[in-house]
Each structure stands twice: as C-alpha cells, then as structure tokens.
Protein backbone atom coordinates (compact mmCIF):
# COMPACT_ATOMS: atom_id res chain seq x y z
CA MET A 1 33.32 193.59 270.00
CA GLY A 2 32.77 194.98 265.89
CA SER A 3 31.27 198.49 264.39
CA GLN A 4 28.55 199.69 265.63
CA GLN A 5 27.63 199.95 262.23
CA ALA A 6 25.51 197.47 260.48
CA ARG A 7 23.12 197.52 263.25
CA SER A 8 20.94 199.86 263.77
CA ASP A 9 21.00 201.60 260.36
CA ASP A 10 20.47 198.48 258.90
CA VAL A 11 17.19 198.07 259.68
CA PRO A 12 14.07 198.14 257.20
CA PHE A 13 12.11 199.97 258.65
CA SER A 14 9.89 202.78 257.02
CA PRO A 15 9.75 206.57 257.02
CA SER A 16 9.87 208.66 259.86
CA ALA A 17 7.17 209.00 262.77
CA PRO A 18 4.69 212.01 262.27
CA ASP A 19 6.09 215.55 262.94
CA SER A 20 4.83 216.05 266.65
CA SER A 21 5.42 217.20 270.06
CA THR A 22 3.13 214.69 271.62
CA ILE A 23 3.34 211.41 270.70
CA SER A 24 -0.20 210.03 270.23
CA ARG A 25 -1.19 205.90 270.63
CA GLN A 26 -1.74 206.47 266.44
CA SER A 27 2.11 207.46 266.46
CA VAL A 28 2.74 204.88 268.19
CA GLU A 29 1.20 202.35 266.50
CA SER A 30 2.16 203.74 263.07
CA SER A 31 5.98 204.53 264.30
CA PRO A 32 8.68 202.20 263.28
CA ARG A 33 11.35 204.76 264.84
CA LEU A 34 9.54 204.57 267.97
CA TYR A 35 9.77 201.34 267.91
CA LYS A 36 13.26 200.81 267.14
CA ALA A 37 13.58 203.30 270.08
CA LEU A 38 11.55 201.55 272.44
CA ALA A 39 14.31 197.93 271.58
CA GLU A 40 16.97 200.17 272.26
CA ALA A 41 15.90 201.25 275.51
CA MET A 42 14.83 197.82 277.13
CA PRO A 43 17.15 196.37 279.28
CA ALA A 44 16.54 193.32 277.29
CA LEU A 45 17.91 191.71 274.24
CA VAL A 46 15.60 192.18 271.51
CA LEU A 47 15.26 190.28 268.23
CA THR A 48 12.57 190.44 265.04
CA THR A 49 12.59 187.63 262.32
CA SER A 50 11.24 187.42 259.30
CA ALA A 51 7.85 184.53 259.16
CA ASP A 52 10.50 182.10 257.82
CA GLY A 53 13.28 182.61 260.55
CA ASP A 54 15.76 185.08 259.21
CA VAL A 55 17.32 187.77 261.14
CA VAL A 56 15.75 191.32 260.56
CA TYR A 57 16.81 193.43 263.25
CA CYS A 58 18.18 193.38 267.20
CA ASN A 59 18.32 195.61 269.69
CA ASP A 60 22.27 196.64 270.47
CA GLU A 61 21.55 195.18 273.89
CA LEU A 62 21.08 192.17 272.05
CA LEU A 63 24.34 192.47 269.95
CA ASP A 64 27.06 193.53 273.19
CA TYR A 65 26.02 191.10 275.52
CA CYS A 66 26.52 188.45 272.51
CA GLY A 67 29.62 190.06 271.32
CA VAL A 68 28.48 189.80 267.24
CA GLN A 69 27.41 191.75 264.63
CA MET A 70 24.35 191.55 262.67
CA GLY A 71 26.14 190.30 259.93
CA ASP A 72 27.08 187.30 262.34
CA LEU A 73 23.18 186.36 262.76
CA GLN A 74 22.39 186.07 258.55
CA GLY A 75 19.79 183.53 258.34
CA SER A 76 18.45 181.42 261.44
CA ARG A 77 22.41 181.86 262.49
CA TRP A 78 21.03 183.51 266.15
CA VAL A 79 19.72 179.81 267.03
CA ASP A 80 23.49 179.51 267.16
CA LEU A 81 23.17 181.92 270.18
CA ILE A 82 21.61 178.74 272.19
CA HIS A 83 22.25 176.33 274.21
CA PRO A 84 22.75 172.95 272.50
CA GLU A 85 20.92 170.83 275.17
CA ASP A 86 17.75 174.01 274.73
CA VAL A 87 17.74 173.80 270.96
CA ALA A 88 17.47 170.11 271.16
CA ALA A 89 15.19 169.97 274.33
CA GLY A 90 12.84 173.20 272.65
CA SER A 91 12.78 172.59 268.80
CA GLU A 92 9.36 170.24 268.80
CA ARG A 93 7.66 172.42 271.57
CA TRP A 94 8.60 176.07 269.44
CA MET A 95 7.21 174.65 266.22
CA ALA A 96 4.49 173.31 268.02
CA GLU A 97 4.07 176.89 269.84
CA ILE A 98 4.14 178.92 266.20
CA GLN A 99 2.01 176.78 264.59
CA THR A 100 -0.50 178.41 266.83
CA LEU A 101 0.56 181.70 265.83
CA LYS A 102 -0.04 183.08 268.93
CA PRO A 103 2.10 184.93 271.39
CA PHE A 104 4.27 182.32 273.78
CA SER A 105 7.20 182.10 276.66
CA SER A 106 10.22 179.75 276.95
CA GLU A 107 13.35 179.85 278.62
CA TYR A 108 16.50 178.59 277.37
CA ARG A 109 19.88 179.59 277.96
CA ILE A 110 21.48 182.30 275.26
CA ARG A 111 25.66 182.25 274.88
CA ARG A 112 27.22 186.18 276.22
CA HIS A 113 30.38 187.39 274.47
CA ASP A 114 32.50 185.55 276.70
CA GLY A 115 31.18 181.91 275.88
CA VAL A 116 29.28 182.13 279.57
CA TYR A 117 25.38 180.82 279.08
CA ARG A 118 22.71 182.20 281.20
CA TRP A 119 19.13 181.81 281.53
CA TYR A 120 16.76 184.26 279.63
CA LEU A 121 12.62 183.91 279.75
CA THR A 122 11.84 184.61 276.46
CA ARG A 123 8.40 186.09 275.25
CA THR A 124 7.78 185.49 271.48
CA ALA A 125 5.00 187.18 270.13
CA PRO A 126 4.02 187.44 265.94
CA LEU A 127 4.18 190.58 263.93
CA ARG A 128 1.30 190.83 261.50
CA ASN A 129 0.47 193.16 258.50
CA ALA A 130 -2.71 195.94 258.11
CA ASP A 131 -4.15 192.47 256.48
CA ASP A 132 -3.71 190.58 259.58
CA GLU A 133 -1.31 188.18 257.97
CA ILE A 134 1.99 187.18 259.82
CA GLU A 135 5.30 188.87 258.45
CA GLY A 136 7.58 188.03 261.32
CA TRP A 137 7.89 187.78 264.73
CA VAL A 138 9.74 189.55 267.78
CA GLY A 139 11.51 187.99 270.66
CA VAL A 140 11.93 189.74 273.79
CA SER A 141 14.42 188.26 276.33
CA VAL A 142 14.93 188.63 280.16
CA ASP A 143 17.57 187.79 282.37
CA VAL A 144 16.22 185.43 285.14
CA HIS A 145 19.30 183.01 285.56
CA ASP A 146 19.55 184.41 289.29
CA ARG A 147 16.17 183.19 289.82
CA ARG A 148 16.50 180.08 287.86
CA VAL A 149 20.37 179.23 289.53
CA ALA A 150 17.77 180.22 293.12
CA GLU A 151 15.09 177.60 292.26
CA ASP A 152 17.52 174.88 290.87
CA ASP A 153 19.18 175.08 294.02
CA MET A 154 15.90 174.67 296.32
CA ARG A 155 15.24 171.56 294.33
CA GLN A 156 18.12 170.50 295.22
CA MET A 157 18.35 171.53 298.62
CA SER A 158 14.47 169.69 298.32
CA GLU A 159 15.77 166.25 297.07
CA GLU A 160 18.70 166.67 299.42
CA LEU A 161 16.07 166.57 302.32
CA ARG A 162 13.73 163.99 300.95
CA ARG A 163 16.43 161.81 300.78
CA ALA A 164 18.10 162.72 304.67
CA ASN A 165 14.25 161.36 305.58
CA ALA A 166 14.25 159.02 303.47
CA ALA A 167 17.95 157.56 304.90
CA LYS A 168 16.70 158.68 308.50
CA ASP A 169 13.42 156.62 308.17
CA GLU A 170 15.43 153.42 306.87
CA PHE A 171 17.66 153.67 309.41
CA LEU A 172 15.28 154.11 312.49
CA ALA A 173 13.38 151.51 311.05
CA MET A 174 16.41 148.91 310.75
CA VAL A 175 17.72 149.97 313.66
CA SER A 176 14.63 149.13 314.95
CA HIS A 177 14.22 145.86 313.85
CA GLU A 178 18.45 145.19 315.40
CA LEU A 179 17.84 146.42 318.47
CA ARG A 180 14.64 143.95 318.79
CA THR A 181 16.36 140.74 318.41
CA PRO A 182 19.32 140.47 320.62
CA VAL A 183 16.97 142.32 322.96
CA THR A 184 14.02 139.83 322.71
CA THR A 185 16.35 137.10 322.84
CA ILE A 186 17.72 138.45 325.62
CA TYR A 187 14.69 139.30 327.55
CA GLY A 188 13.50 135.29 326.67
CA ASN A 189 16.52 133.76 327.35
CA ALA A 190 16.88 135.49 331.20
CA SER A 191 13.11 134.56 331.66
CA VAL A 192 13.82 130.77 331.42
CA LEU A 193 16.87 131.27 333.37
CA GLN A 194 14.57 132.80 336.57
CA ARG A 195 11.83 130.60 335.91
CA GLN A 196 13.40 127.40 335.64
CA ILE A 197 17.00 127.77 336.49
CA ARG A 198 17.08 124.94 338.87
CA GLU A 199 15.32 122.37 336.76
CA LEU A 200 17.07 122.94 333.45
CA PRO A 201 20.72 120.76 333.00
CA ARG A 202 23.92 122.63 332.95
CA GLU A 203 24.71 121.74 329.71
CA GLN A 204 21.18 123.83 328.73
CA ILE A 205 22.71 126.30 330.92
CA VAL A 206 25.67 127.13 329.69
CA ALA A 207 23.77 127.39 325.82
CA VAL A 208 21.60 130.02 327.17
CA MET A 209 23.98 132.07 328.69
CA THR A 210 26.47 131.99 325.54
CA ASP A 211 23.17 132.74 323.43
CA VAL A 212 22.41 136.16 325.88
CA GLU A 213 26.53 137.08 325.42
CA ARG A 214 26.42 136.95 321.67
CA GLU A 215 23.39 139.03 321.73
CA ALA A 216 24.30 141.09 324.64
CA LEU A 217 28.04 141.64 322.25
CA ARG A 218 25.64 142.04 319.07
CA LEU A 219 24.27 144.73 320.93
CA GLN A 220 26.57 146.70 321.73
CA GLN A 221 28.58 146.69 318.38
CA LEU A 222 25.20 147.90 316.91
CA ILE A 223 25.53 150.70 319.80
CA ASP A 224 28.62 151.56 319.67
CA ASN A 225 28.99 152.03 315.71
CA MET A 226 25.55 154.06 315.73
CA PHE A 227 27.86 157.03 317.79
CA VAL A 228 30.57 156.29 316.04
CA LEU A 229 28.53 157.71 312.88
CA ALA A 230 27.07 160.20 315.08
CA ARG A 231 30.27 161.53 315.81
CA ILE A 232 31.62 161.77 312.38
CA GLU A 233 28.67 163.36 311.12
CA GLU A 234 28.89 165.54 314.07
CA HIS A 235 32.75 166.30 314.32
CA GLY A 236 33.61 165.52 310.29
CA LYS A 237 37.53 164.72 310.89
CA ALA A 238 39.95 162.55 312.97
CA ASP A 239 42.13 162.86 315.97
CA ILE A 240 45.18 162.32 313.74
CA GLU A 241 49.08 161.69 315.33
CA PRO A 242 51.07 159.54 314.71
CA ILE A 243 50.44 155.75 316.39
CA SER A 244 51.68 152.36 316.94
CA LEU A 245 50.12 150.09 314.18
CA GLY A 246 50.78 146.70 315.48
CA ARG A 247 49.91 148.20 319.32
CA VAL A 248 46.67 148.69 317.88
CA VAL A 249 46.45 145.58 315.77
CA ASP A 250 47.53 143.27 318.83
CA LYS A 251 44.84 145.24 321.19
CA ALA A 252 41.84 143.90 318.98
CA ALA A 253 43.18 141.19 318.34
CA THR A 254 43.19 140.13 322.02
CA GLU A 255 39.89 141.83 322.61
CA HIS A 256 38.48 139.12 320.09
CA ARG A 257 40.49 136.38 321.29
CA ASN A 258 38.72 136.76 324.86
CA ARG A 259 35.46 137.54 323.60
CA TYR A 260 35.49 134.60 320.89
CA PRO A 261 38.12 131.93 322.57
CA GLU A 262 37.32 129.28 320.08
CA THR A 263 38.38 131.73 317.31
CA GLN A 264 42.14 131.48 315.94
CA ILE A 265 43.31 134.56 315.58
CA ARG A 266 47.04 135.07 313.23
CA VAL A 267 48.83 138.24 312.94
CA HIS A 268 51.43 138.66 310.46
CA ASP A 269 53.36 141.87 310.83
CA SER A 270 55.92 142.97 308.02
CA SER A 271 55.51 146.97 308.40
CA ALA A 272 58.97 146.87 310.08
CA GLY A 273 57.51 148.81 313.28
CA VAL A 274 56.66 152.19 311.22
CA PRO A 275 54.57 154.22 312.50
CA ALA A 276 51.16 155.15 310.83
CA CYS A 277 49.02 158.75 311.37
CA GLY A 278 45.60 157.97 312.72
CA ASP A 279 43.28 158.31 315.04
CA GLU A 280 43.76 155.39 317.45
CA THR A 281 39.93 154.87 318.53
CA TYR A 282 39.03 154.90 315.34
CA VAL A 283 41.42 151.95 313.52
CA LEU A 284 41.13 150.15 317.37
CA HIS A 285 36.82 150.24 315.98
CA ILE A 286 37.83 149.07 312.32
CA LEU A 287 39.64 146.34 313.28
CA ARG A 288 36.79 145.20 315.43
CA ASN A 289 34.00 146.01 312.70
CA LEU A 290 36.29 143.46 310.50
CA VAL A 291 37.23 140.70 312.41
CA ILE A 292 33.62 140.41 313.50
CA ASN A 293 32.96 140.76 310.29
CA ALA A 294 35.08 137.57 309.80
CA GLU A 295 33.99 135.66 312.17
CA LYS A 296 30.02 135.50 311.38
CA TYR A 297 30.88 134.42 307.68
CA SER A 298 33.42 132.04 308.53
CA PRO A 299 33.01 128.26 309.23
CA SER A 300 33.76 127.46 312.82
CA GLY A 301 37.29 126.98 314.47
CA ALA A 302 38.76 129.01 311.17
CA PRO A 303 41.12 130.90 311.75
CA ILE A 304 41.68 134.95 310.62
CA ASP A 305 44.84 136.39 309.15
CA ILE A 306 45.53 140.03 310.27
CA HIS A 307 48.60 141.62 307.37
CA MET A 308 50.10 144.63 307.98
CA ALA A 309 52.78 145.69 305.70
CA ARG A 310 53.73 148.56 303.93
CA HIS A 311 51.88 149.22 301.08
CA ASP A 312 53.61 151.88 299.46
CA GLU A 313 56.33 154.95 300.26
CA THR A 314 53.75 156.66 301.94
CA THR A 315 51.26 154.54 303.09
CA LEU A 316 50.30 151.55 305.48
CA SER A 317 48.23 148.60 304.55
CA VAL A 318 46.03 146.19 306.95
CA ARG A 319 44.00 143.03 306.04
CA VAL A 320 41.84 141.00 307.32
CA CYS A 321 41.21 137.54 305.51
CA ASP A 322 39.07 134.44 306.35
CA ALA A 323 38.47 131.54 305.38
CA GLY A 324 34.63 132.07 304.71
CA VAL A 325 31.85 132.27 301.93
CA GLY A 326 33.88 134.99 300.30
CA ILE A 327 31.74 138.38 299.01
CA LYS A 328 28.83 137.50 296.87
CA GLY A 329 27.29 139.89 294.37
CA GLU A 330 28.66 143.36 294.24
CA VAL A 331 31.87 144.18 295.53
CA ASP A 332 31.97 147.89 296.46
CA ARG A 333 28.21 147.75 297.67
CA ILE A 334 29.13 145.71 301.00
CA PHE A 335 30.34 149.32 302.47
CA GLU A 336 27.12 150.52 301.82
CA THR A 337 24.82 152.12 304.78
CA PHE A 338 22.33 148.66 305.74
CA TYR A 339 22.99 146.89 302.43
CA ARG A 340 23.20 143.18 302.64
CA SER A 341 24.07 140.50 300.14
CA PRO A 342 20.58 138.57 299.54
CA GLU A 343 22.98 135.68 299.14
CA THR A 344 24.62 135.24 302.39
CA ALA A 345 22.00 137.45 304.60
CA ASP A 346 20.43 134.48 305.59
CA TYR A 347 24.34 133.36 306.56
CA ALA A 348 24.89 135.59 309.70
CA PRO A 349 22.72 138.23 311.69
CA GLY A 350 23.95 142.40 311.14
CA ALA A 351 22.35 145.35 310.25
CA GLY A 352 24.68 146.51 307.42
CA MET A 353 26.33 148.87 309.30
CA GLY A 354 30.08 147.57 310.93
CA LEU A 355 31.55 147.80 307.48
CA ALA A 356 29.98 151.16 306.16
CA VAL A 357 31.00 152.46 309.42
CA ALA A 358 34.58 151.21 308.66
CA ARG A 359 34.56 152.98 305.59
CA ARG A 360 34.04 156.25 306.52
CA LEU A 361 36.48 156.02 309.35
CA VAL A 362 39.35 154.85 307.05
CA GLU A 363 38.11 157.75 304.67
CA THR A 364 38.58 160.12 307.56
CA GLN A 365 41.89 159.52 308.34
CA GLY A 366 42.88 159.85 304.63
CA GLY A 367 43.18 156.44 303.63
CA ILE A 368 41.39 153.70 301.35
CA ILE A 369 39.35 150.78 301.65
CA TRP A 370 38.84 147.82 299.54
CA ALA A 371 37.42 144.25 299.71
CA ARG A 372 37.56 141.61 297.44
CA ASN A 373 37.59 137.42 297.58
CA ARG A 374 40.99 135.25 297.76
CA GLU A 375 41.38 132.46 295.67
CA GLY A 376 41.04 129.69 297.02
CA GLY A 377 37.82 130.64 299.12
CA GLY A 378 37.44 133.36 301.81
CA ALA A 379 37.32 137.21 302.18
CA GLU A 380 39.98 140.14 302.64
CA VAL A 381 39.05 143.18 303.35
CA GLY A 382 41.73 145.90 303.74
CA PHE A 383 42.36 149.69 303.88
CA THR A 384 45.42 151.47 304.45
CA LEU A 385 46.70 154.41 306.67
CA PRO A 386 49.49 157.29 305.65
CA ILE A 387 52.56 156.71 307.43
CA GLU A 388 53.53 159.44 309.83
CA GLU A 389 56.09 162.04 307.65
CA ASP A 390 58.86 161.20 310.08
CA ALA A 391 59.02 157.63 309.49
CA ALA A 392 58.67 157.91 305.56
C-alpha cells in the first residue's frame, strides 16, 4: 500500500458545502464535499471517470482493496483491475450500454491487492452538468462473490443432477432391454420344451437347452455386474489384502472351462508367485468379465490366453488375449458404461457393462486397465495390481 496522499485531496471538487448545521436537499445536491463523504462512507468500490473514460476519482475503499494509488489508474488503466476474460466478454456490451446514456448494471471480477479476483456487481450511471450534458460516469461496485459462487455451485449441482437422472434413465432403459432379451429366450425355449419335448429330436432338445443355458449365464452376468456397480457406488472401496493372483486366475479359468467346455484357455504365469494386493472377489469378477468378453468376440474354438507377469517394480499385470475381431473405433471408449462399438455391436450381444465394471474395480484397487489390438489380429485387455509390500 502507498501513501494516502494523492487520493482524496487530488479530487477536482469545487468549493466547500454551504455553512449550515442542517443538511438540506439543496445542499446535498450541490455539495461535492457531501458526495465525497458519501463515497468514502460506502462499503463499496466507487469510481468516477470523465466522459472519455479517464479516472477522476475513486474512494479509499477501492484503493485499499486493489492495493493501488490514484496515479496507478491514470487514463483508463482502471480496466487493468478487471479480469481479462470479463473485459473481453463484456467490452462490446459496455460500449453498447454507454451509448444509451442511461444507468446500467454488470457483473465482473475485480482484482484484489493479493491477486485474487472477486465478483462485483457494478451499477454505472452518467454524470450530467447543468445543461444535462454527459460530463462523466460514476460506478459503484458491491461484492457479490459469495452469492455468485453459491449460484455457480447450484448450477453445477443442478447439471450433475440432470446428468445423473439422464444416466439413470439410460441405465434403466438399457437394463430393461438386456434383461428382457434373455428372459424372453429362456421363456420361449421352456415353452417349446413343455409343449413339444416328446416330439422333438434329441439334437433339437440339446440345442434348445444350450440356448437356455447361454441366456441364463448372460442374465447372471448382467445381474452380477449390476450388483457390483451398486456395491462400488455404496462403499467406494475394496477390501485390500495380500492375494495369490495365480490362484484367482486359475479359478476364473476353471469356471469358464466348466461353462464352455469347447473353449481353450491357456494360462501363462511368469510372476514367480509374487503376491498382489487386492480384493479377491473383485479380481475374480474382473477376470470373469474379461474372459467372457474375449469369448464373445473370438471365433469358435479359438484359444484365450491369460498372461501373468511382473509389470514393474511395484505392480503385477494380467493380460487377457484373444484371436477375435479386435477393437474397432476408439479404444478408450470400450470402458464407458453401455458403450457398444457400432462396428461390433451386431457381432455379439451385450449391455456394454462388463468392461466398464472391470475398470471401476481395477481403479478401486489402485490399478490401471488398458485395451489394445494385437499384432496379427485379436485384442488384449490387461490390468495391473500393486505388489504386496513385503514382496516388492
């Protein structure tokens, strides 16, 4: 802060107010000293300019707030106190308002002496001489920062709520569709068996039962993913403890072989038995989703390879590799909830939840997940988990 000189005393006001113990309306209207006293008493930033926009006067409240002296505001340099974005956004509007020669209001951010910008509501009005000609402008700025921030927070909350409701509606519509499809298939096949089982050849009965089993597993996977998502949203954390990653991988591979005997799953373990830190239930669910996803997009009978290895000094990696159609379009989007690539959506049924759930589960355990196309065809989806500290 500088000296208070060159502040109040430099104001080009005319002679003092009438010598009277009673302040009449006439004295208020004609006394520059009273105007100055009012400006200094106001808990607001007050500034007057000439008709050309050059600063003529500003109250001590403004000088103290901005940490400047009158000399720092010569000419139209007072504009430097306003946030650059607000100057750029409001300059055309200000010029248009000034042309009307009427009072107007605007909101913009003014820089405080410590460099922090705060929102102010400024009311600007013309100063007229005795001939009603514009000889300058006066601006009075009131701090509305807290109100503005609260309004912005409310708008953000409202937008987040709108997006949440939209996501909920999309979720319900998608889940309704995905639930209806397997249920319809199961019901239809069960009805066929009930009515015609004695007339159907054995091969057709086996085919019908295969369809029922496949759709029942699809239904189970969808329900499991919904429950896992709900659990993550509710708790937001995993039960982290040392786990044998090889044992969990073997369990996931065995489960899948039992469900799909025709599928060949090959496990490659070069992790040297180093334990990982994670939630065994979550890791098993991740592997189920990744293997089922690889199964859906692989040719019949094509092998699925699961590779375990030390990723770096602090993490282990698991990669699920297939020989299928590969990833079409934007690779990162396959981890978005409900996303189905238009190029592969017709290749295999699905709700677009499996990989999204896998990502949430991996990140909840402090790992990362990725996807990429393999040289020679097929896709790789992998993830990392932290190594148990004592084994690192």
